Protein backbone atom coordinates (compact mmCIF):
# COMPACT_ATOMS: atom_id res chain seq x y z
CA MET A 1 146.65 -59.96 286.41
CA ALA A 2 145.61 -63.56 285.82
CA THR A 3 146.68 -65.27 282.59
CA ILE A 4 145.28 -68.17 280.61
CA TYR A 5 147.96 -70.37 282.23
CA ASP A 6 146.80 -69.41 285.73
CA VAL A 7 143.25 -70.38 284.76
CA ALA A 8 144.48 -73.68 283.31
CA ARG A 9 146.33 -74.54 286.55
CA ARG A 10 143.36 -73.60 288.75
CA ALA A 11 140.92 -75.61 286.59
CA GLU A 12 143.39 -78.48 286.14
CA VAL A 13 143.08 -78.42 282.36
CA SER A 14 145.38 -77.50 279.50
CA PRO A 15 145.75 -73.89 278.26
CA ALA A 16 144.30 -75.13 274.94
CA THR A 17 141.10 -76.18 276.72
CA VAL A 18 140.82 -72.75 278.35
CA SER A 19 141.28 -71.16 274.93
CA ARG A 20 138.51 -73.31 273.43
CA VAL A 21 136.13 -72.35 276.25
CA VAL A 22 136.95 -68.63 275.91
CA ASN A 23 136.35 -68.76 272.15
CA GLY A 24 133.05 -70.62 272.47
CA HIS A 25 133.99 -73.93 270.86
CA ALA A 26 131.23 -76.51 271.21
CA ASN A 27 133.48 -79.61 271.41
CA VAL A 28 134.46 -79.18 275.08
CA ASP A 29 133.15 -81.41 277.85
CA PRO A 30 130.51 -79.45 279.79
CA ILE A 31 132.17 -80.45 283.09
CA LEU A 32 135.45 -78.91 281.91
CA VAL A 33 133.62 -75.82 280.70
CA GLU A 34 132.15 -75.31 284.16
CA ARG A 35 135.57 -75.80 285.81
CA VAL A 36 137.19 -73.28 283.48
CA ARG A 37 134.45 -70.70 284.00
CA ARG A 38 134.61 -71.14 287.78
CA ALA A 39 138.40 -70.68 287.70
CA MET A 40 138.05 -67.57 285.52
CA ALA A 41 135.56 -66.08 288.00
CA GLU A 42 137.73 -66.92 291.03
CA LEU A 43 140.84 -65.37 289.45
CA GLY A 44 139.04 -62.40 287.87
CA TYR A 45 140.38 -63.44 284.47
CA ARG A 46 139.29 -61.34 281.49
CA PRO A 47 140.01 -62.74 277.99
CA ASN A 48 142.31 -60.70 275.79
CA ALA A 49 139.83 -59.30 273.25
CA VAL A 50 142.54 -58.07 270.89
CA ALA A 51 144.23 -61.46 270.65
CA ARG A 52 140.89 -63.21 270.27
CA ASN A 53 139.89 -60.85 267.47
CA LEU A 54 143.15 -61.42 265.64
CA ARG A 55 142.38 -65.13 265.59
CA ARG A 56 138.90 -64.40 264.33
CA SER A 57 140.29 -61.98 261.64
CA ARG A 58 137.62 -59.39 262.51
CA THR A 59 136.52 -57.63 265.66
CA THR A 60 132.96 -57.29 266.89
CA LEU A 61 133.11 -53.53 266.32
CA TRP A 62 131.26 -51.46 263.75
CA ALA A 63 132.22 -47.95 262.75
CA ALA A 64 129.39 -45.45 262.23
CA ILE A 65 130.99 -42.69 260.15
CA ILE A 66 128.70 -39.65 260.03
CA SER A 67 129.05 -36.07 258.87
CA ASP A 68 128.05 -34.09 261.96
CA ILE A 69 127.58 -35.45 265.46
CA GLY A 70 126.08 -32.08 266.46
CA ASP A 71 123.09 -32.63 264.17
CA PRO A 72 120.18 -34.24 266.08
CA PHE A 73 119.32 -36.13 262.89
CA TYR A 74 122.52 -38.16 263.16
CA THR A 75 122.18 -38.58 266.93
CA ALA A 76 118.81 -40.29 266.47
CA MET A 77 120.08 -42.30 263.52
CA VAL A 78 123.09 -43.66 265.43
CA ARG A 79 120.81 -44.60 268.31
CA GLY A 80 118.88 -46.74 265.86
CA VAL A 81 122.14 -48.32 264.66
CA GLU A 82 123.25 -49.12 268.20
CA ASP A 83 119.90 -50.53 269.30
CA ALA A 84 119.95 -53.00 266.40
CA ALA A 85 123.69 -53.77 266.63
CA ARG A 86 123.81 -54.85 270.26
CA PRO A 87 121.34 -57.77 269.99
CA ALA A 88 123.36 -58.97 267.00
CA GLY A 89 126.53 -59.03 269.13
CA PHE A 90 128.21 -55.86 267.85
CA SER A 91 129.33 -52.61 269.44
CA VAL A 92 129.38 -49.27 267.59
CA VAL A 93 132.22 -46.74 267.41
CA LEU A 94 131.05 -43.26 266.41
CA CYS A 95 133.20 -41.23 263.99
CA ASN A 96 132.51 -37.59 263.02
CA THR A 97 133.83 -36.29 259.66
CA ASP A 98 132.43 -32.74 259.45
CA ASP A 99 131.81 -33.61 255.78
CA ASP A 100 135.59 -33.67 255.28
CA GLU A 101 136.75 -36.43 252.94
CA ASP A 102 140.24 -36.44 254.50
CA LYS A 103 138.78 -37.07 257.96
CA GLU A 104 136.52 -39.73 256.47
CA GLY A 105 139.57 -41.37 254.91
CA GLY A 106 141.34 -41.39 258.27
CA TYR A 107 138.43 -43.19 259.91
CA VAL A 108 138.31 -45.72 257.08
CA ASP A 109 142.05 -46.28 257.59
CA ALA A 110 141.33 -46.98 261.26
CA ALA A 111 138.45 -49.34 260.41
CA LEU A 112 140.74 -51.31 258.11
CA ALA A 113 143.67 -51.34 260.55
CA GLU A 114 141.47 -52.47 263.45
CA GLN A 115 139.79 -55.10 261.27
CA MET A 116 136.33 -53.87 262.16
CA ALA A 117 133.48 -56.18 261.33
CA GLY A 118 131.57 -53.58 259.32
CA VAL A 119 131.05 -49.90 258.57
CA ILE A 120 127.95 -47.71 258.27
CA VAL A 121 128.82 -44.45 256.54
CA ALA A 122 127.20 -41.24 255.33
CA PRO A 123 129.77 -40.31 252.64
CA ALA A 124 131.17 -36.79 252.53
CA GLY A 125 131.15 -36.62 248.72
CA PRO A 126 129.26 -38.09 245.76
CA VAL A 127 132.15 -40.19 244.41
CA ALA A 128 132.71 -41.84 247.82
CA PRO A 129 136.28 -43.12 247.20
CA HIS A 130 136.60 -44.34 250.77
CA VAL A 131 133.47 -46.46 250.44
CA ARG A 132 135.09 -47.99 247.37
CA ARG A 133 138.21 -48.75 249.45
CA LEU A 134 136.08 -50.61 251.99
CA LEU A 135 134.37 -52.61 249.24
CA ASP A 136 137.73 -53.43 247.63
CA ALA A 137 138.99 -54.67 251.02
CA ARG A 138 135.84 -56.82 251.35
CA VAL A 139 134.72 -55.03 254.48
CA PRO A 140 130.93 -55.20 254.90
CA VAL A 141 129.58 -51.66 254.42
CA VAL A 142 126.21 -49.92 254.32
CA VAL A 143 125.77 -46.38 253.04
CA VAL A 144 123.12 -44.38 254.86
CA ASP A 145 121.27 -41.12 254.10
CA ARG A 146 123.36 -40.30 251.02
CA GLN A 147 123.55 -42.04 247.69
CA PRO A 148 127.04 -42.56 246.23
CA ALA A 149 127.45 -42.32 242.47
CA GLU A 150 128.24 -45.45 240.47
CA LEU A 151 128.75 -47.81 243.41
CA ARG A 152 126.88 -51.06 243.98
CA VAL A 153 126.57 -51.05 247.74
CA ASP A 154 123.89 -51.67 250.37
CA THR A 155 122.13 -48.34 250.93
CA VAL A 156 119.39 -46.98 253.20
CA LEU A 157 117.74 -43.70 252.19
CA VAL A 158 114.59 -41.68 252.70
CA ASP A 159 112.47 -40.42 249.81
CA ASN A 160 113.96 -36.92 249.73
CA ASP A 161 112.46 -35.98 246.38
CA LEU A 162 108.88 -36.84 247.33
CA GLY A 163 109.22 -35.21 250.75
CA ALA A 164 110.43 -31.96 249.19
CA GLN A 165 107.61 -32.09 246.64
CA ALA A 166 105.05 -32.41 249.43
CA ALA A 167 106.56 -29.49 251.34
CA THR A 168 106.60 -27.18 248.33
CA ALA A 169 103.14 -28.20 247.16
CA HIS A 170 101.81 -27.44 250.65
CA LEU A 171 103.24 -23.91 250.49
CA ILE A 172 101.66 -23.39 247.06
CA GLU A 173 98.29 -24.67 248.31
CA SER A 174 98.57 -22.39 251.35
CA GLY A 175 98.54 -19.36 249.04
CA TYR A 176 102.23 -18.46 248.75
CA ALA A 177 103.38 -17.18 245.37
CA ARG A 178 107.15 -16.72 245.46
CA ILE A 179 108.67 -19.76 247.14
CA ALA A 180 112.41 -20.06 247.78
CA CYS A 181 114.51 -23.11 248.60
CA ILE A 182 117.49 -23.24 250.97
CA THR A 183 119.24 -26.58 250.57
CA GLY A 184 122.58 -28.20 251.36
CA PRO A 185 125.77 -28.50 249.30
CA ALA A 186 125.33 -29.33 245.61
CA THR A 187 127.75 -32.26 246.10
CA VAL A 188 125.46 -33.99 248.63
CA SER A 189 122.76 -36.23 247.20
CA THR A 190 120.19 -35.40 249.90
CA ALA A 191 120.53 -31.70 249.09
CA THR A 192 120.21 -32.15 245.32
CA GLN A 193 117.27 -34.56 245.65
CA ARG A 194 115.37 -32.13 247.87
CA ALA A 195 116.06 -29.30 245.41
CA GLN A 196 114.77 -31.55 242.62
CA GLY A 197 111.58 -32.20 244.56
CA TYR A 198 111.12 -28.47 245.09
CA ARG A 199 111.51 -27.79 241.35
CA ALA A 200 109.17 -30.66 240.45
CA ALA A 201 106.39 -29.30 242.69
CA LEU A 202 106.67 -25.82 241.16
CA GLN A 203 106.51 -27.22 237.64
CA GLU A 204 103.60 -29.50 238.49
CA HIS A 205 101.64 -26.46 239.68
CA GLY A 206 102.57 -24.38 236.64
CA ARG A 207 104.99 -22.15 238.57
CA PRO A 208 108.27 -20.91 237.07
CA VAL A 209 111.55 -22.05 238.63
CA ASP A 210 113.65 -19.00 239.53
CA ASP A 211 117.26 -20.01 240.20
CA ALA A 212 117.77 -16.79 242.19
CA LEU A 213 115.47 -18.29 244.83
CA ILE A 214 117.55 -21.46 245.26
CA ARG A 215 120.41 -21.22 247.76
CA HIS A 216 122.99 -23.93 248.45
CA ALA A 217 124.76 -23.89 251.81
CA ASP A 218 126.05 -26.36 254.36
CA PHE A 219 123.44 -27.88 256.65
CA ARG A 220 124.28 -25.75 259.71
CA GLU A 221 122.11 -23.12 261.40
CA GLU A 222 124.36 -20.18 260.52
CA ALA A 223 124.21 -21.16 256.85
CA GLY A 224 120.41 -21.07 257.02
CA TYR A 225 120.56 -17.64 258.64
CA ASP A 226 122.91 -16.26 255.97
CA ALA A 227 120.90 -17.75 253.09
CA MET A 228 117.67 -16.27 254.48
CA ARG A 229 119.34 -12.88 254.87
CA ALA A 230 120.43 -13.00 251.21
CA LEU A 231 116.92 -13.94 250.08
CA LEU A 232 115.41 -11.05 252.02
CA ALA A 233 117.84 -8.69 250.27
CA LEU A 234 116.52 -9.60 246.80
CA PRO A 235 114.64 -6.82 244.93
CA GLU A 236 111.60 -9.11 245.02
CA ARG A 237 111.94 -11.19 248.13
CA PRO A 238 110.19 -14.56 248.61
CA ASP A 239 106.99 -14.93 250.58
CA ALA A 240 107.75 -18.54 251.55
CA VAL A 241 110.80 -20.77 252.04
CA PHE A 242 111.37 -24.50 251.94
CA ALA A 243 114.47 -25.14 254.09
CA ALA A 244 115.81 -28.60 253.25
CA GLY A 245 117.26 -29.36 256.69
CA ASN A 246 116.25 -28.92 260.32
CA ARG A 247 119.06 -26.54 261.25
CA LEU A 248 118.73 -24.61 257.99
CA ALA A 249 115.09 -24.01 258.94
CA LEU A 250 116.04 -22.91 262.45
CA GLY A 251 118.60 -20.45 261.07
CA ALA A 252 116.09 -19.09 258.57
CA LEU A 253 113.48 -18.66 261.31
CA ARG A 254 115.96 -16.83 263.54
CA CYS A 255 116.88 -14.49 260.68
CA LEU A 256 113.22 -13.71 259.98
CA GLY A 257 112.66 -12.98 263.66
CA ASP A 258 115.70 -10.69 263.87
CA ARG A 259 114.36 -8.67 260.95
CA GLY A 260 110.84 -8.42 262.25
CA VAL A 261 109.36 -10.51 259.42
CA SER A 262 106.21 -12.28 260.61
CA VAL A 263 105.86 -16.02 260.07
CA PRO A 264 103.62 -17.20 258.46
CA GLY A 265 101.96 -13.84 257.65
CA GLU A 266 104.76 -12.34 255.55
CA VAL A 267 106.89 -15.43 254.93
CA GLY A 268 105.81 -19.07 255.27
CA LEU A 269 108.40 -21.66 256.28
CA VAL A 270 108.71 -25.45 256.00
CA GLY A 271 111.71 -27.46 257.22
CA PHE A 272 112.93 -31.00 256.60
CA ASP A 273 113.33 -33.57 259.42
CA ASP A 274 110.93 -33.41 262.33
CA LEU A 275 112.50 -32.96 265.76
CA PRO A 276 110.97 -32.49 269.23
CA TRP A 277 111.65 -28.75 269.28
CA ALA A 278 109.78 -28.22 265.99
CA ALA A 279 106.43 -28.30 267.78
CA LEU A 280 107.67 -26.23 270.75
CA ILE A 281 109.04 -23.09 269.06
CA ARG A 282 106.73 -20.27 268.03
CA PRO A 283 105.42 -20.41 265.46
CA ALA A 284 105.47 -24.19 265.55
CA LEU A 285 107.45 -25.38 262.55
CA THR A 286 105.95 -27.32 259.67
CA THR A 287 108.42 -30.06 258.70
CA VAL A 288 108.92 -33.06 256.46
CA ALA A 289 109.27 -35.84 259.04
CA GLN A 290 111.61 -38.66 258.19
CA PRO A 291 111.98 -41.92 260.16
CA THR A 292 115.44 -41.08 261.45
CA TYR A 293 115.70 -43.79 264.11
CA GLU A 294 114.38 -46.40 261.67
CA LEU A 295 116.97 -45.26 259.13
CA GLY A 296 119.70 -46.30 261.57
CA ARG A 297 117.98 -49.56 262.55
CA SER A 298 117.50 -50.52 258.92
CA ALA A 299 121.15 -49.79 258.16
CA ALA A 300 122.27 -51.96 261.09
CA ARG A 301 120.04 -54.84 260.08
CA LEU A 302 121.29 -54.61 256.50
CA LEU A 303 124.89 -54.65 257.72
CA ALA A 304 124.25 -57.72 259.88
CA GLU A 305 122.72 -59.45 256.86
CA ARG A 306 125.72 -58.50 254.73
CA ILE A 307 128.10 -59.97 257.33
CA ALA A 308 126.06 -63.19 257.42
CA GLU A 309 125.70 -63.40 253.62
CA PRO A 310 128.73 -61.69 252.03
CA SER A 311 127.89 -62.82 248.48
CA ARG A 312 124.28 -61.64 248.22
CA PRO A 313 123.51 -58.78 245.75
CA PRO A 314 123.47 -55.24 247.21
CA SER A 315 120.07 -53.81 248.07
CA THR A 316 118.59 -50.35 248.61
CA ILE A 317 115.94 -49.53 251.20
CA THR A 318 114.00 -46.28 250.72
CA LEU A 319 111.89 -45.13 253.66
CA ALA A 320 108.86 -42.86 253.31
CA THR A 321 108.49 -39.34 254.72
CA HIS A 322 105.37 -37.45 255.74
CA LEU A 323 104.48 -33.79 256.18
CA GLU A 324 103.76 -32.49 259.70
CA ILE A 325 101.77 -29.29 259.14
CA ARG A 326 101.99 -26.64 261.86
CA ASP A 327 101.63 -22.87 262.21
CA SER A 328 104.73 -21.71 260.30
CA SER A 329 103.28 -22.45 256.87
CA VAL A 330 99.52 -21.82 257.10
CA ARG A 331 98.23 -18.29 256.61
CA PHE A 332 95.32 -17.09 258.63
CA GLY A 333 92.04 -17.65 256.88
CA ARG A 334 93.28 -20.62 254.85
CA GLY A 335 92.66 -24.23 255.67
CA VAL A 336 95.42 -26.70 256.36
CA ALA A 337 96.42 -28.27 253.06
CA GLY A 338 97.15 -31.96 253.16
């Protein structure tokens, strides 16, 4: 394998000149630059990225630390991160925590040890101690999707509260009387904000809030199935459900189908986060659509800005949602509520 000294001999320059060319220094004679590059090509020389990064103090890598790589929401979001990172000269390493703070801590350890240029993270818990560690180490960081408590940090969110209000109001306007909510863990800001929006819509329409109709679970399909099964077992079961996550909604829909409950005739259903399959299943699923890809792109752009301007004040970007009304929430004989 060719070394920097082999390149220097072939180009008839000093190793220091080769190093300056490799690291992009501007104060090198263009003729020498061309000789060095030609020698590198002839010898098949590849610069040692690790050594170069040590000299630069930071790599050109970002860590994207997310809670569940199996969730299509995060797949689309990370695509947005990557598409914005590459033109800025950064590559993205994907890290999956399963909403486990210990796993999250391990990935933060790795980001610090590898001197990564920045981190985009959806924290596993509300206190977000590992985000605090990154901030204390002066690592550029952007929090995405979830809002950490009592931390001043760049953050990109969607308007969960307003989206949930729109979903619940739509079910009310579609003629449903007893509306339940299946949401995520009470420790996750997205889950609590969506539950708040659900409550706010009921109160705005003069409906009582029945805590027996609110179920907290994780965001996986089986959790949605189990929560729906428990709701159907109530003495007075709901006639509509707002499921505050795409896989929660899918689990709830599967449970209703297994028990022969017609949707939307007996139970109306609205999910959160619009995905391609939402329009393809039967009945087609009404969902709160959020700009998932743009969430990732905005986070990447914010991180690039933070790297370029480390001292600027932290900012929060909140993206809008909109309701995609389909068959699962509109009873026959009633118009589509907007």
